Amino acid sequence: MDDLHHDPATAPPRRRMTQDARRAHILDAAQTLFFARGWDGVTVADVLAEAGISKGGFYHHFAAKEDLLDGVVDRFTRQAVTASEAAGASAEGDALTRFNAFLRASNRWKAERGAQLRFFLDAMLKPGNDLLLLRISNAAAAVARPVLEQMIEAGVAEGSFAVPDSALAAEVILGLAPGRMPVAEAAMRLAQDGALEEATQMLTDRMIAEAATIDRLLGLPPGSITLADPVEYRRMLHAISDR
C-alpha cells in the first residue's frame, strides 16, 4: 500500500516548458475549444482552465482572445501550405503542373477538415464580425503569400508564366479570397438546407471564374489553372454542414 502513496517531497520536479512550448500548449487548448464550441462559445477563462495556466502565464504570450485566433489561423494555414507545397514540389512537370498540384492538394487538405473550416467560416460570416473576417484573412494571407510568390517566380524564370511583378500577382490572387466569402456563405447555407449539389455548383462556378482570372494574370491560355474541384468541394460542404 505504501507504494500507492504519493510524496510531493520525493516526486520528480515538473518539467518546465520553454516559452515556445508554453505558447504552443496554450494554442492547443484554444484550438480544441474553438473547434468544439465556436468563437463565441469560448472565453479566455475557458482557455486558462483547459491549458491549466494562470492569467499571468496567458497574458505573457497573448494580449487578448483575438490573438489566440491569429495563432490558430497561422498554425492551420501553415499546415495547409506545407502539405500543399510538398505535393507541388513532388509533381513532375513544369511550373504550371506544380502550381496545379499545389491547388489540388490544398483543396483536398481543406476538404478533409470540414469541421475546422466550419469554425473559421462561422466566425468570419457572423453579422458584426467584420473585424474577425479581416484578421483571419490577413493572418492566412501572411503565411501563404511568400509561398505563392515563390511559385510564380519559378514559373516566370522557366518561361511558363508572363508576370511583370510576382509579388503583386500573389497579392492579387490572395485578394480574391475575401470576395469569395458571400459565395461561400450562400453555398454553406444551401448545403445546410439539403441542397448539396446546388451548393457545390455555386462554389464550383465561382472558382472557375477565379481560375480564369488567374489565367489572365499569369499570362496563361484559358483553362490552364485547374482551381475548381467539385468532388472536394462537395466533400467539404458536406462536412461543414453536417452538424
C-alpha atoms as a PDB file:
ATOM      1  CA  MET A   1       0.000   0.000   0.000  1.00  0.00           C
ATOM      2  CA  ASP A   2       2.870   2.357   0.777  1.00  0.00           C
ATOM      3  CA  ASP A   3       3.825   2.244  -2.884  1.00  0.00           C
ATOM      4  CA  LEU A   4       0.472   3.833  -3.705  1.00  0.00           C
ATOM      5  CA  HIS A   5       1.108   6.934  -1.602  1.00  0.00           C
ATOM      6  CA  HIS A   6       2.472   9.953  -3.430  1.00  0.00           C
ATOM      7  CA  ASP A   7       5.032  12.018  -1.548  1.00  0.00           C
ATOM      8  CA  PRO A   8       5.408  15.513  -3.117  1.00  0.00           C
ATOM      9  CA  ALA A   9       8.756  15.918  -1.431  1.00  0.00           C
ATOM     10  CA  THR A  10      10.238  12.944  -3.254  1.00  0.00           C
ATOM     11  CA  ALA A  11       8.326  13.281  -6.557  1.00  0.00           C
ATOM     12  CA  PRO A  12      10.391  14.292  -9.592  1.00  0.00           C
ATOM     13  CA  PRO A  13      10.093  18.006 -10.430  1.00  0.00           C
ATOM     14  CA  ARG A  14       7.646  19.018 -13.167  1.00  0.00           C
ATOM     15  CA  ARG A  15       9.325  19.570 -16.474  1.00  0.00           C
ATOM     16  CA  ARG A  16       9.423  23.262 -17.254  1.00  0.00           C
ATOM     17  CA  MET A  17       8.236  24.252 -20.702  1.00  0.00           C
ATOM     18  CA  THR A  18      10.183  26.557 -22.937  1.00  0.00           C
ATOM     19  CA  GLN A  19       8.447  29.793 -23.915  1.00  0.00           C
ATOM     20  CA  ASP A  20       7.676  28.411 -27.371  1.00  0.00           C
ATOM     21  CA  ALA A  21       6.327  25.169 -25.930  1.00  0.00           C
ATOM     22  CA  ARG A  22       4.148  27.062 -23.453  1.00  0.00           C
ATOM     23  CA  ARG A  23       2.736  29.227 -26.220  1.00  0.00           C
ATOM     24  CA  ALA A  24       2.023  26.142 -28.338  1.00  0.00           C
ATOM     25  CA  HIS A  25       0.339  24.488 -25.339  1.00  0.00           C
ATOM     26  CA  ILE A  26      -1.983  27.471 -24.930  1.00  0.00           C
ATOM     27  CA  LEU A  27      -2.783  27.423 -28.644  1.00  0.00           C
ATOM     28  CA  ASP A  28      -3.526  23.699 -28.432  1.00  0.00           C
ATOM     29  CA  ALA A  29      -6.058  24.401 -25.704  1.00  0.00           C
ATOM     30  CA  ALA A  30      -7.615  27.320 -27.582  1.00  0.00           C
ATOM     31  CA  GLN A  31      -7.814  25.364 -30.826  1.00  0.00           C
ATOM     32  CA  THR A  32      -9.522  22.423 -29.109  1.00  0.00           C
ATOM     33  CA  LEU A  33     -12.114  24.714 -27.551  1.00  0.00           C
ATOM     34  CA  PHE A  34     -12.685  26.857 -30.646  1.00  0.00           C
ATOM     35  CA  PHE A  35     -13.288  23.847 -32.874  1.00  0.00           C
ATOM     36  CA  ALA A  36     -15.641  22.277 -30.316  1.00  0.00           C
ATOM     37  CA  ARG A  37     -17.622  25.347 -29.179  1.00  0.00           C
ATOM     38  CA  GLY A  38     -17.130  28.056 -31.787  1.00  0.00           C
ATOM     39  CA  TRP A  39     -15.701  31.546 -31.400  1.00  0.00           C
ATOM     40  CA  ASP A  40     -18.481  32.986 -29.225  1.00  0.00           C
ATOM     41  CA  GLY A  41     -18.597  29.892 -27.011  1.00  0.00           C
ATOM     42  CA  VAL A  42     -15.062  30.286 -25.679  1.00  0.00           C
ATOM     43  CA  THR A  43     -13.691  32.792 -23.179  1.00  0.00           C
ATOM     44  CA  VAL A  44     -10.141  33.458 -22.050  1.00  0.00           C
ATOM     45  CA  ALA A  45     -11.109  31.869 -18.719  1.00  0.00           C
ATOM     46  CA  ASP A  46     -12.069  28.698 -20.587  1.00  0.00           C
ATOM     47  CA  VAL A  47      -8.660  28.610 -22.244  1.00  0.00           C
ATOM     48  CA  LEU A  48      -6.930  29.132 -18.886  1.00  0.00           C
ATOM     49  CA  ALA A  49      -8.814  26.171 -17.431  1.00  0.00           C
ATOM     50  CA  GLU A  50      -8.184  23.944 -20.455  1.00  0.00           C
ATOM     51  CA  ALA A  51      -4.478  24.769 -20.534  1.00  0.00           C
ATOM     52  CA  GLY A  52      -4.066  24.719 -16.754  1.00  0.00           C
ATOM     53  CA  ILE A  53      -2.299  28.075 -16.624  1.00  0.00           C
ATOM     54  CA  SER A  54      -2.638  31.345 -14.746  1.00  0.00           C
ATOM     55  CA  LYS A  55      -3.774  34.675 -16.151  1.00  0.00           C
ATOM     56  CA  GLY A  56      -0.208  35.889 -15.939  1.00  0.00           C
ATOM     57  CA  GLY A  57       1.003  32.913 -17.933  1.00  0.00           C
ATOM     58  CA  PHE A  58      -1.609  33.590 -20.595  1.00  0.00           C
ATOM     59  CA  TYR A  59      -1.016  37.322 -20.920  1.00  0.00           C
ATOM     60  CA  HIS A  60       2.717  36.787 -21.152  1.00  0.00           C
ATOM     61  CA  HIS A  61       2.058  35.269 -24.587  1.00  0.00           C
ATOM     62  CA  PHE A  62      -1.255  36.751 -25.749  1.00  0.00           C
ATOM     63  CA  ALA A  63      -2.784  40.177 -25.235  1.00  0.00           C
ATOM     64  CA  ALA A  64      -6.366  39.109 -25.943  1.00  0.00           C
ATOM     65  CA  LYS A  65      -8.614  36.333 -27.187  1.00  0.00           C
ATOM     66  CA  GLU A  66      -8.253  37.686 -30.731  1.00  0.00           C
ATOM     67  CA  ASP A  67      -4.517  36.998 -30.594  1.00  0.00           C
ATOM     68  CA  LEU A  68      -5.328  33.348 -29.984  1.00  0.00           C
ATOM     69  CA  LEU A  69      -7.323  33.400 -33.197  1.00  0.00           C
ATOM     70  CA  ASP A  70      -4.333  34.809 -35.080  1.00  0.00           C
ATOM     71  CA  GLY A  71      -2.190  31.997 -33.715  1.00  0.00           C
ATOM     72  CA  VAL A  72      -4.681  29.273 -34.610  1.00  0.00           C
ATOM     73  CA  VAL A  73      -5.134  30.680 -38.134  1.00  0.00           C
ATOM     74  CA  ASP A  74      -1.366  30.911 -38.590  1.00  0.00           C
ATOM     75  CA  ARG A  75      -0.922  27.294 -37.483  1.00  0.00           C
ATOM     76  CA  PHE A  76      -3.820  25.985 -39.591  1.00  0.00           C
ATOM     77  CA  THR A  77      -2.654  27.842 -42.698  1.00  0.00           C
ATOM     78  CA  ARG A  78       0.964  26.738 -42.278  1.00  0.00           C
ATOM     79  CA  GLN A  79      -0.140  23.118 -42.072  1.00  0.00           C
ATOM     80  CA  ALA A  80      -2.233  23.513 -45.230  1.00  0.00           C
ATOM     81  CA  VAL A  81       0.509  25.325 -47.132  1.00  0.00           C
ATOM     82  CA  THR A  82       3.189  22.847 -46.055  1.00  0.00           C
ATOM     83  CA  ALA A  83       1.135  19.866 -47.234  1.00  0.00           C
ATOM     84  CA  SER A  84       0.203  21.588 -50.498  1.00  0.00           C
ATOM     85  CA  GLU A  85       3.746  22.783 -51.116  1.00  0.00           C
ATOM     86  CA  ALA A  86       5.055  19.245 -50.708  1.00  0.00           C
ATOM     87  CA  ALA A  87       2.544  17.993 -53.274  1.00  0.00           C
ATOM     88  CA  GLY A  88       3.560  20.705 -55.714  1.00  0.00           C
ATOM     89  CA  ALA A  89       7.268  20.050 -55.249  1.00  0.00           C
ATOM     90  CA  SER A  90       6.855  16.324 -55.880  1.00  0.00           C
ATOM     91  CA  ALA A  91       4.802  16.791 -59.061  1.00  0.00           C
ATOM     92  CA  GLU A  92       6.684  16.038 -62.265  1.00  0.00           C
ATOM     93  CA  GLY A  93       6.468  18.694 -64.940  1.00  0.00           C
ATOM     94  CA  ASP A  94       6.717  22.428 -65.431  1.00  0.00           C
ATOM     95  CA  ALA A  95       5.755  25.262 -63.085  1.00  0.00           C
ATOM     96  CA  LEU A  96       2.110  25.149 -64.185  1.00  0.00           C
ATOM     97  CA  THR A  97       1.917  21.438 -63.361  1.00  0.00           C
ATOM     98  CA  ARG A  98       3.412  22.079 -59.935  1.00  0.00           C
ATOM     99  CA  PHE A  99       1.093  25.041 -59.366  1.00  0.00           C
ATOM    100  CA  ASN A 100      -1.983  22.969 -60.174  1.00  0.00           C
ATOM    101  CA  ALA A 101      -0.733  20.126 -57.957  1.00  0.00           C
ATOM    102  CA  PHE A 102      -0.406  22.656 -55.146  1.00  0.00           C
ATOM    103  CA  LEU A 103      -4.006  23.811 -55.690  1.00  0.00           C
ATOM    104  CA  ARG A 104      -5.376  20.247 -55.801  1.00  0.00           C
ATOM    105  CA  ALA A 105      -3.585  19.347 -52.595  1.00  0.00           C
ATOM    106  CA  SER A 106      -4.909  22.498 -50.933  1.00  0.00           C
ATOM    107  CA  ASN A 107      -8.485  21.609 -51.885  1.00  0.00           C
ATOM    108  CA  ARG A 108      -8.023  18.054 -50.630  1.00  0.00           C
ATOM    109  CA  TRP A 109      -6.460  19.167 -47.350  1.00  0.00           C
ATOM    110  CA  LYS A 110      -9.315  21.575 -46.623  1.00  0.00           C
ATOM    111  CA  ALA A 111     -11.986  19.060 -47.634  1.00  0.00           C
ATOM    112  CA  GLU A 112     -10.593  16.639 -45.068  1.00  0.00           C
ATOM    113  CA  ARG A 113     -11.003  19.261 -42.335  1.00  0.00           C
ATOM    114  CA  GLY A 114     -14.560  20.446 -42.815  1.00  0.00           C
ATOM    115  CA  ALA A 115     -15.309  20.682 -39.082  1.00  0.00           C
ATOM    116  CA  GLN A 116     -12.353  23.001 -38.533  1.00  0.00           C
ATOM    117  CA  LEU A 117     -13.247  25.078 -41.576  1.00  0.00           C
ATOM    118  CA  ARG A 118     -16.750  25.455 -40.182  1.00  0.00           C
ATOM    119  CA  PHE A 119     -15.295  27.228 -37.141  1.00  0.00           C
ATOM    120  CA  PHE A 120     -13.456  29.759 -39.300  1.00  0.00           C
ATOM    121  CA  LEU A 121     -16.446  30.324 -41.587  1.00  0.00           C
ATOM    122  CA  ASP A 122     -18.857  30.739 -38.676  1.00  0.00           C
ATOM    123  CA  ALA A 123     -16.510  33.250 -37.061  1.00  0.00           C
ATOM    124  CA  MET A 124     -15.967  35.215 -40.266  1.00  0.00           C
ATOM    125  CA  LEU A 125     -19.522  35.212 -41.555  1.00  0.00           C
ATOM    126  CA  LYS A 126     -21.449  36.018 -38.397  1.00  0.00           C
ATOM    127  CA  PRO A 127     -23.041  39.502 -38.647  1.00  0.00           C
ATOM    128  CA  GLY A 128     -20.916  42.079 -36.883  1.00  0.00           C
ATOM    129  CA  ASN A 129     -17.727  40.049 -37.158  1.00  0.00           C
ATOM    130  CA  ASP A 130     -16.173  42.075 -39.980  1.00  0.00           C
ATOM    131  CA  LEU A 131     -13.008  42.641 -37.959  1.00  0.00           C
ATOM    132  CA  LEU A 132     -12.648  38.903 -37.382  1.00  0.00           C
ATOM    133  CA  LEU A 133     -13.015  38.325 -41.120  1.00  0.00           C
ATOM    134  CA  LEU A 134     -10.224  40.817 -41.718  1.00  0.00           C
ATOM    135  CA  ARG A 135      -7.988  39.263 -39.037  1.00  0.00           C
ATOM    136  CA  ILE A 136      -8.443  35.736 -40.368  1.00  0.00           C
ATOM    137  CA  SER A 137      -7.937  36.812 -43.988  1.00  0.00           C
ATOM    138  CA  ASN A 138      -4.802  38.798 -43.159  1.00  0.00           C
ATOM    139  CA  ALA A 139      -3.300  36.063 -40.985  1.00  0.00           C
ATOM    140  CA  ALA A 140      -3.853  33.411 -43.655  1.00  0.00           C
ATOM    141  CA  ALA A 141      -2.521  35.624 -46.449  1.00  0.00           C
ATOM    142  CA  ALA A 142       0.635  36.433 -44.482  1.00  0.00           C
ATOM    143  CA  VAL A 143       1.520  32.735 -44.412  1.00  0.00           C
ATOM    144  CA  ALA A 144       0.517  31.878 -47.986  1.00  0.00           C
ATOM    145  CA  ARG A 145       1.903  34.960 -49.762  1.00  0.00           C
ATOM    146  CA  PRO A 146       5.639  34.099 -49.765  1.00  0.00           C
ATOM    147  CA  VAL A 147       4.993  30.535 -50.948  1.00  0.00           C
ATOM    148  CA  LEU A 148       2.688  31.690 -53.724  1.00  0.00           C
ATOM    149  CA  GLU A 149       5.123  34.392 -54.769  1.00  0.00           C
ATOM    150  CA  GLN A 150       7.956  31.863 -54.928  1.00  0.00           C
ATOM    151  CA  MET A 151       5.932  29.543 -57.173  1.00  0.00           C
ATOM    152  CA  ILE A 152       5.066  32.414 -59.501  1.00  0.00           C
ATOM    153  CA  GLU A 153       8.704  33.489 -59.663  1.00  0.00           C
ATOM    154  CA  ALA A 154       9.688  29.926 -60.586  1.00  0.00           C
ATOM    155  CA  GLY A 155       7.119  29.957 -63.383  1.00  0.00           C
ATOM    156  CA  VAL A 156       8.433  33.258 -64.698  1.00  0.00           C
ATOM    157  CA  ALA A 157      12.027  32.009 -64.569  1.00  0.00           C
ATOM    158  CA  GLU A 158      11.260  28.968 -66.698  1.00  0.00           C
ATOM    159  CA  GLY A 159       9.016  30.880 -69.088  1.00  0.00           C
ATOM    160  CA  SER A 160       5.701  29.282 -68.092  1.00  0.00           C
ATOM    161  CA  PHE A 161       4.242  32.479 -66.610  1.00  0.00           C
ATOM    162  CA  ALA A 162       4.382  36.007 -68.013  1.00  0.00           C
ATOM    163  CA  VAL A 163       4.177  38.248 -64.962  1.00  0.00           C
ATOM    164  CA  PRO A 164       5.914  41.627 -64.520  1.00  0.00           C
ATOM    165  CA  ASP A 165       5.659  41.580 -60.714  1.00  0.00           C
ATOM    166  CA  SER A 166       5.404  38.237 -58.885  1.00  0.00           C
ATOM    167  CA  ALA A 167       4.718  39.844 -55.508  1.00  0.00           C
ATOM    168  CA  LEU A 168       1.821  41.858 -56.899  1.00  0.00           C
ATOM    169  CA  ALA A 169       0.436  38.804 -58.701  1.00  0.00           C
ATOM    170  CA  ALA A 170       0.485  36.819 -55.450  1.00  0.00           C
ATOM    171  CA  GLU A 171      -1.229  39.690 -53.653  1.00  0.00           C
ATOM    172  CA  VAL A 172      -3.975  39.881 -56.284  1.00  0.00           C
ATOM    173  CA  ILE A 173      -4.583  36.117 -56.195  1.00  0.00           C
ATOM    174  CA  LEU A 174      -4.859  36.093 -52.406  1.00  0.00           C
ATOM    175  CA  GLY A 175      -7.096  39.147 -52.621  1.00  0.00           C
ATOM    176  CA  LEU A 176      -9.739  37.024 -54.342  1.00  0.00           C
ATOM    177  CA  ALA A 177     -10.427  35.135 -51.114  1.00  0.00           C
ATOM    178  CA  PRO A 178     -12.297  37.828 -49.110  1.00  0.00           C
ATOM    179  CA  GLY A 179     -14.605  38.483 -52.048  1.00  0.00           C
ATOM    180  CA  ARG A 180     -15.373  34.771 -52.150  1.00  0.00           C
ATOM    181  CA  MET A 181     -16.933  34.864 -48.686  1.00  0.00           C
ATOM    182  CA  PRO A 182     -20.510  35.783 -49.718  1.00  0.00           C
ATOM    183  CA  VAL A 183     -20.497  32.884 -52.193  1.00  0.00           C
ATOM    184  CA  ALA A 184     -19.066  30.535 -49.564  1.00  0.00           C
ATOM    185  CA  GLU A 185     -21.733  31.630 -47.098  1.00  0.00           C
ATOM    186  CA  ALA A 186     -24.549  31.127 -49.614  1.00  0.00           C
ATOM    187  CA  ALA A 187     -23.171  27.707 -50.571  1.00  0.00           C
ATOM    188  CA  MET A 188     -22.877  26.702 -46.919  1.00  0.00           C
ATOM    189  CA  ARG A 189     -26.485  27.733 -46.239  1.00  0.00           C
ATOM    190  CA  LEU A 190     -27.682  25.742 -49.249  1.00  0.00           C
ATOM    191  CA  ALA A 191     -25.767  22.683 -48.082  1.00  0.00           C
ATOM    192  CA  GLN A 192     -27.238  23.019 -44.594  1.00  0.00           C
ATOM    193  CA  ASP A 193     -30.711  23.129 -46.178  1.00  0.00           C
ATOM    194  CA  GLY A 194     -30.009  19.869 -48.003  1.00  0.00           C
ATOM    195  CA  ALA A 195     -29.229  21.348 -51.442  1.00  0.00           C
ATOM    196  CA  LEU A 196     -25.699  19.938 -51.554  1.00  0.00           C
ATOM    197  CA  GLU A 197     -25.465  19.649 -55.342  1.00  0.00           C
ATOM    198  CA  GLU A 198     -26.655  23.220 -55.876  1.00  0.00           C
ATOM    199  CA  ALA A 199     -24.211  24.411 -53.234  1.00  0.00           C
ATOM    200  CA  THR A 200     -21.361  22.525 -54.878  1.00  0.00           C
ATOM    201  CA  GLN A 201     -22.188  24.005 -58.270  1.00  0.00           C
ATOM    202  CA  MET A 202     -22.350  27.523 -56.852  1.00  0.00           C
ATOM    203  CA  LEU A 203     -18.882  27.228 -55.329  1.00  0.00           C
ATOM    204  CA  THR A 204     -17.511  25.492 -58.428  1.00  0.00           C
ATOM    205  CA  ASP A 205     -18.769  28.283 -60.703  1.00  0.00           C
ATOM    206  CA  ARG A 206     -17.077  30.876 -58.519  1.00  0.00           C
ATOM    207  CA  MET A 207     -13.778  29.001 -58.547  1.00  0.00           C
ATOM    208  CA  ILE A 208     -13.905  28.508 -62.325  1.00  0.00           C
ATOM    209  CA  ALA A 209     -14.259  32.277 -62.656  1.00  0.00           C
ATOM    210  CA  GLU A 210     -11.336  32.827 -60.280  1.00  0.00           C
ATOM    211  CA  ALA A 211      -9.218  30.354 -62.246  1.00  0.00           C
ATOM    212  CA  ALA A 212      -9.957  32.259 -65.461  1.00  0.00           C
ATOM    213  CA  THR A 213      -8.846  35.453 -63.724  1.00  0.00           C
ATOM    214  CA  ILE A 214      -5.604  33.815 -62.595  1.00  0.00           C
ATOM    215  CA  ASP A 215      -5.004  32.505 -66.138  1.00  0.00           C
ATOM    216  CA  ARG A 216      -5.041  36.054 -67.450  1.00  0.00           C
ATOM    217  CA  LEU A 217      -2.999  37.370 -64.551  1.00  0.00           C
ATOM    218  CA  LEU A 218      -0.227  34.824 -65.136  1.00  0.00           C
ATOM    219  CA  GLY A 219      -0.332  35.165 -68.918  1.00  0.00           C
ATOM    220  CA  LEU A 220      -1.659  31.629 -69.445  1.00  0.00           C
ATOM    221  CA  PRO A 221      -4.068  30.214 -72.045  1.00  0.00           C
ATOM    222  CA  PRO A 222      -7.683  29.852 -70.860  1.00  0.00           C
ATOM    223  CA  GLY A 223      -8.260  26.692 -68.851  1.00  0.00           C
ATOM    224  CA  SER A 224      -4.661  26.357 -67.661  1.00  0.00           C
ATOM    225  CA  ILE A 225      -5.322  26.821 -63.941  1.00  0.00           C
ATOM    226  CA  THR A 226      -7.443  23.996 -62.507  1.00  0.00           C
ATOM    227  CA  LEU A 227      -8.676  25.695 -59.374  1.00  0.00           C
ATOM    228  CA  ALA A 228     -12.188  24.212 -59.294  1.00  0.00           C
ATOM    229  CA  ASP A 229     -12.588  20.726 -57.794  1.00  0.00           C
ATOM    230  CA  PRO A 230     -16.281  19.769 -57.470  1.00  0.00           C
ATOM    231  CA  VAL A 231     -15.556  16.430 -55.781  1.00  0.00           C
ATOM    232  CA  GLU A 232     -13.571  18.026 -52.979  1.00  0.00           C
ATOM    233  CA  TYR A 233     -15.994  20.963 -52.716  1.00  0.00           C
ATOM    234  CA  ARG A 234     -18.886  18.542 -52.265  1.00  0.00           C
ATOM    235  CA  ARG A 235     -16.988  16.674 -49.572  1.00  0.00           C
ATOM    236  CA  MET A 236     -16.013  19.901 -47.839  1.00  0.00           C
ATOM    237  CA  LEU A 237     -19.534  21.375 -47.927  1.00  0.00           C
ATOM    238  CA  HIS A 238     -20.993  18.129 -46.627  1.00  0.00           C
ATOM    239  CA  ALA A 239     -18.585  18.148 -43.690  1.00  0.00           C
ATOM    240  CA  ILE A 240     -19.169  21.838 -42.970  1.00  0.00           C
ATOM    241  CA  SER A 241     -22.955  21.486 -42.999  1.00  0.00           C
ATOM    242  CA  ASP A 242     -23.023  18.220 -41.008  1.00  0.00           C
ATOM    243  CA  ARG A 243     -23.887  19.462 -37.513  1.00  0.00           C
END
